[in-house]
Amino acid sequence: MTQSKLDILLHEVRACRLCEAHLPLGPRPVLSASRSARLLIVGQAPGTRVHETGVPWNDPSGDRLRNWLQVDRDTFYDASRIAIIPMGFCYPGRGSGGDLPPRPECAQTWHQRLLDQLPNIQLTLLIGQYAQRYYLPHWYGSITDNVRHYADALPHKLFPLPHPSPRNTLWLRRRPWFEEEVVPALRTQVHQVLKVDDASSR
């Protein structure tokens, strides 16, 4: 398959209207991919700011994620290196406790077709419970346990992470082992895959 065929598929995805009736702000699928990408980020679904700009992870969550990865914005948004395919492509709306879960139609309809055209992925970051429940071969019972056992997922080229949302600041404060142990391991894996020089990524 050629990049042009992937471009055609991405055009189809961005024109998707499968769950239009359920989207309070209307459909605006947000994703990014190239056949040469070596790192895949599977998150949850766009928030309102991402919906407005059409740029994935263009919010405080994205700032924290880039800090965890220790990559700059240019690297992060280089589709030839990093593919970004969330569980839900459009903003799902608000619920009583925050944003609603990602619409299930996206992963069911599009994910495998997209993954089939990303032959160079060496590592997939699974951010949050929806990505982990869908892709992790073993669910340890909680996000905390999944992340603590991140090394078990590495043979599958997977790396589970909590969501970097500001809402999770308390979770992070209560689990200093994440910053002390998991983040350095994450950076090592990501930099090896992207062939990023540590000094240039700061």
Protein backbone atom coordinates (compact mmCIF):
# COMPACT_ATOMS: atom_id res chain seq x y z
CA MET A 1 0.00 0.00 0.00
CA THR A 2 1.19 3.50 -0.71
CA GLN A 3 0.96 6.74 1.21
CA SER A 4 -1.65 7.90 -1.29
CA LYS A 5 -3.92 5.04 -0.22
CA LEU A 6 -3.47 6.01 3.41
CA ASP A 7 -4.27 9.60 2.47
CA ILE A 8 -7.49 8.40 0.85
CA LEU A 9 -8.40 6.50 4.02
CA LEU A 10 -7.64 9.51 6.20
CA HIS A 11 -9.87 11.60 3.95
CA GLU A 12 -12.67 9.04 4.48
CA VAL A 13 -12.19 9.13 8.24
CA ARG A 14 -12.26 12.92 8.35
CA ALA A 15 -15.49 12.88 6.35
CA CYS A 16 -17.09 10.30 8.70
CA ARG A 17 -20.59 11.13 9.95
CA LEU A 18 -21.51 7.80 11.55
CA CYS A 19 -22.41 9.22 14.96
CA GLU A 20 -23.25 12.78 13.95
CA ALA A 21 -26.58 12.65 15.79
CA HIS A 22 -24.79 12.05 19.10
CA LEU A 23 -22.19 14.85 18.84
CA PRO A 24 -23.21 18.15 20.45
CA LEU A 25 -20.65 20.19 18.46
CA GLY A 26 -21.01 18.15 15.30
CA PRO A 27 -18.44 15.88 13.69
CA ARG A 28 -14.82 16.97 13.34
CA PRO A 29 -12.59 13.87 13.36
CA VAL A 30 -9.10 14.70 14.61
CA LEU A 31 -6.22 12.31 13.88
CA SER A 32 -2.83 12.24 12.21
CA ALA A 33 -0.87 9.44 10.54
CA SER A 34 1.76 8.55 7.97
CA ARG A 35 3.04 5.16 6.81
CA SER A 36 6.52 6.02 8.04
CA ALA A 37 5.38 6.73 11.64
CA ARG A 38 7.18 4.66 14.26
CA LEU A 39 5.26 5.76 17.38
CA LEU A 40 1.48 5.55 17.75
CA ILE A 41 -0.45 7.47 20.40
CA VAL A 42 -3.91 6.14 21.20
CA GLY A 43 -5.72 8.50 23.54
CA GLN A 44 -9.34 9.06 24.46
CA ALA A 45 -11.18 11.69 22.40
CA PRO A 46 -10.72 15.38 21.57
CA GLY A 47 -11.74 18.00 24.08
CA THR A 48 -13.37 21.27 23.12
CA ARG A 49 -10.09 23.08 22.43
CA VAL A 50 -8.89 20.31 20.14
CA HIS A 51 -12.28 20.29 18.43
CA GLU A 52 -12.00 24.04 17.83
CA THR A 53 -8.45 23.95 16.45
CA GLY A 54 -8.44 20.54 14.76
CA VAL A 55 -4.98 19.93 16.27
CA PRO A 56 -4.64 16.80 18.44
CA TRP A 57 -3.40 17.23 22.02
CA ASN A 58 -3.40 21.01 21.57
CA ASP A 59 -4.24 21.68 25.21
CA PRO A 60 -2.76 21.39 28.73
CA SER A 61 -3.05 17.60 28.53
CA GLY A 62 -0.87 17.68 25.44
CA ASP A 63 1.67 19.91 27.17
CA ARG A 64 1.98 17.42 30.00
CA LEU A 65 2.16 14.47 27.60
CA ARG A 66 4.97 16.10 25.60
CA ASN A 67 6.81 16.70 28.89
CA TRP A 68 6.44 13.03 29.81
CA LEU A 69 7.79 12.01 26.41
CA GLN A 70 10.43 14.77 26.46
CA VAL A 71 9.75 15.70 22.84
CA ASP A 72 9.15 19.15 21.43
CA ARG A 73 6.07 20.23 19.48
CA ASP A 74 7.80 19.93 16.12
CA THR A 75 8.62 16.28 16.79
CA PHE A 76 5.24 15.58 18.34
CA TYR A 77 3.34 16.92 15.34
CA ASP A 78 5.59 15.34 12.73
CA ALA A 79 3.20 12.76 11.28
CA SER A 80 6.08 11.04 9.52
CA ARG A 81 7.31 10.04 12.99
CA ILE A 82 4.26 9.98 15.28
CA ALA A 83 0.74 8.81 14.44
CA ILE A 84 -2.12 10.03 16.65
CA ILE A 85 -5.28 7.95 16.49
CA PRO A 86 -7.64 8.37 19.46
CA MET A 87 -10.32 5.91 20.48
CA GLY A 88 -12.89 8.50 19.49
CA PHE A 89 -12.13 10.96 16.72
CA CYS A 90 -14.71 13.62 17.63
CA TYR A 91 -15.58 15.54 20.79
CA PRO A 92 -18.25 13.37 22.49
CA GLY A 93 -19.84 16.00 24.74
CA ARG A 94 -20.00 16.52 28.48
CA GLY A 95 -21.34 14.25 31.17
CA SER A 96 -21.81 14.78 34.90
CA GLY A 97 -18.16 13.91 35.67
CA GLY A 98 -16.41 15.43 32.67
CA ASP A 99 -16.29 14.55 29.00
CA LEU A 100 -18.34 11.57 27.88
CA PRO A 101 -16.57 8.36 26.82
CA PRO A 102 -15.32 8.19 23.24
CA ARG A 103 -17.93 7.03 20.77
CA PRO A 104 -17.39 3.29 20.09
CA GLU A 105 -18.05 3.59 16.36
CA CYS A 106 -14.58 5.03 15.67
CA ALA A 107 -12.49 2.12 16.88
CA GLN A 108 -14.93 -0.47 15.57
CA THR A 109 -15.09 1.08 12.11
CA TRP A 110 -11.69 2.59 11.49
CA HIS A 111 -8.91 1.45 13.79
CA GLN A 112 -7.95 -1.82 12.16
CA ARG A 113 -8.09 -0.29 8.70
CA LEU A 114 -5.75 2.46 9.84
CA LEU A 115 -3.39 0.12 11.70
CA ASP A 116 -3.13 -2.10 8.62
CA GLN A 117 -1.55 0.87 6.84
CA LEU A 118 0.94 1.74 9.58
CA PRO A 119 3.55 -0.99 9.07
CA ASN A 120 6.41 0.77 10.86
CA ILE A 121 4.90 1.27 14.31
CA GLN A 122 7.41 0.15 16.95
CA LEU A 123 5.59 1.32 20.07
CA THR A 124 1.99 2.24 20.91
CA LEU A 125 1.16 4.46 23.88
CA LEU A 126 -2.21 3.53 25.39
CA ILE A 127 -3.44 6.59 27.25
CA GLY A 128 -6.34 6.10 29.63
CA GLN A 129 -8.75 3.30 30.33
CA TYR A 130 -10.55 3.16 26.98
CA ALA A 131 -7.39 2.59 24.96
CA GLN A 132 -6.10 0.10 27.52
CA ARG A 133 -9.32 -1.91 27.72
CA TYR A 134 -9.38 -2.12 23.93
CA TYR A 135 -5.73 -2.95 23.25
CA LEU A 136 -3.98 -4.31 26.34
CA PRO A 137 -3.77 -8.13 26.25
CA HIS A 138 -4.28 -8.18 30.03
CA TRP A 139 -6.28 -5.75 32.18
CA TYR A 140 -4.85 -5.63 35.70
CA GLY A 141 -7.98 -4.20 37.27
CA SER A 142 -7.20 -0.47 37.27
CA ILE A 143 -5.27 2.20 35.43
CA THR A 144 -2.85 2.30 38.36
CA ASP A 145 -2.11 -1.40 38.10
CA ASN A 146 -1.83 -1.29 34.32
CA VAL A 147 0.70 1.53 34.50
CA ARG A 148 2.63 -0.06 37.36
CA HIS A 149 2.98 -3.22 35.25
CA TYR A 150 3.97 -1.30 32.11
CA ALA A 151 6.96 -3.61 31.56
CA ASP A 152 4.59 -6.55 30.96
CA ALA A 153 3.18 -4.73 27.92
CA LEU A 154 6.53 -3.87 26.32
CA PRO A 155 6.95 -7.26 24.60
CA HIS A 156 3.67 -6.43 22.82
CA LYS A 157 5.09 -3.02 21.80
CA LEU A 158 2.57 -1.33 24.10
CA PHE A 159 3.03 1.19 26.91
CA PRO A 160 0.02 2.01 29.17
CA LEU A 161 -0.19 5.51 30.62
CA PRO A 162 -2.62 7.52 32.74
CA HIS A 163 -4.34 10.38 31.02
CA PRO A 164 -2.22 13.55 31.32
CA SER A 165 -5.29 15.70 31.98
CA PRO A 166 -5.02 18.33 34.74
CA ARG A 167 -7.87 16.40 36.35
CA ASN A 168 -5.34 13.66 37.09
CA THR A 169 -2.92 15.89 39.00
CA LEU A 170 -4.00 14.39 42.33
CA TRP A 171 -3.52 10.87 40.94
CA LEU A 172 0.03 11.80 39.97
CA ARG A 173 0.82 13.43 43.32
CA ARG A 174 -0.29 10.31 45.16
CA ARG A 175 1.86 8.07 42.98
CA PRO A 176 5.38 9.55 42.92
CA TRP A 177 6.66 6.27 41.47
CA PHE A 178 5.11 7.28 38.15
CA GLU A 179 7.43 10.28 37.69
CA GLU A 180 10.37 8.51 39.33
CA GLU A 181 10.19 5.16 37.55
CA VAL A 182 7.70 5.08 34.68
CA VAL A 183 8.43 8.41 32.99
CA PRO A 184 12.19 7.73 32.60
CA ALA A 185 11.39 4.30 31.13
CA LEU A 186 8.83 5.89 28.84
CA ARG A 187 11.33 8.46 27.59
CA THR A 188 13.91 5.77 26.94
CA GLN A 189 11.45 3.73 24.88
CA VAL A 190 10.12 6.71 22.94
CA HIS A 191 13.54 8.16 22.19
CA GLN A 192 14.82 4.81 20.97
CA VAL A 193 11.85 4.43 18.66
CA LEU A 194 12.02 7.99 17.34
CA LYS A 195 15.81 8.10 17.40
CA VAL A 196 15.60 11.34 19.36
CA ASP A 197 18.72 12.80 20.91
CA ASP A 198 17.97 13.57 24.56
CA ALA A 199 19.74 16.93 24.48
CA SER A 200 17.80 18.15 21.44
CA SER A 201 14.41 17.10 22.84
CA ARG A 202 14.49 19.44 25.82
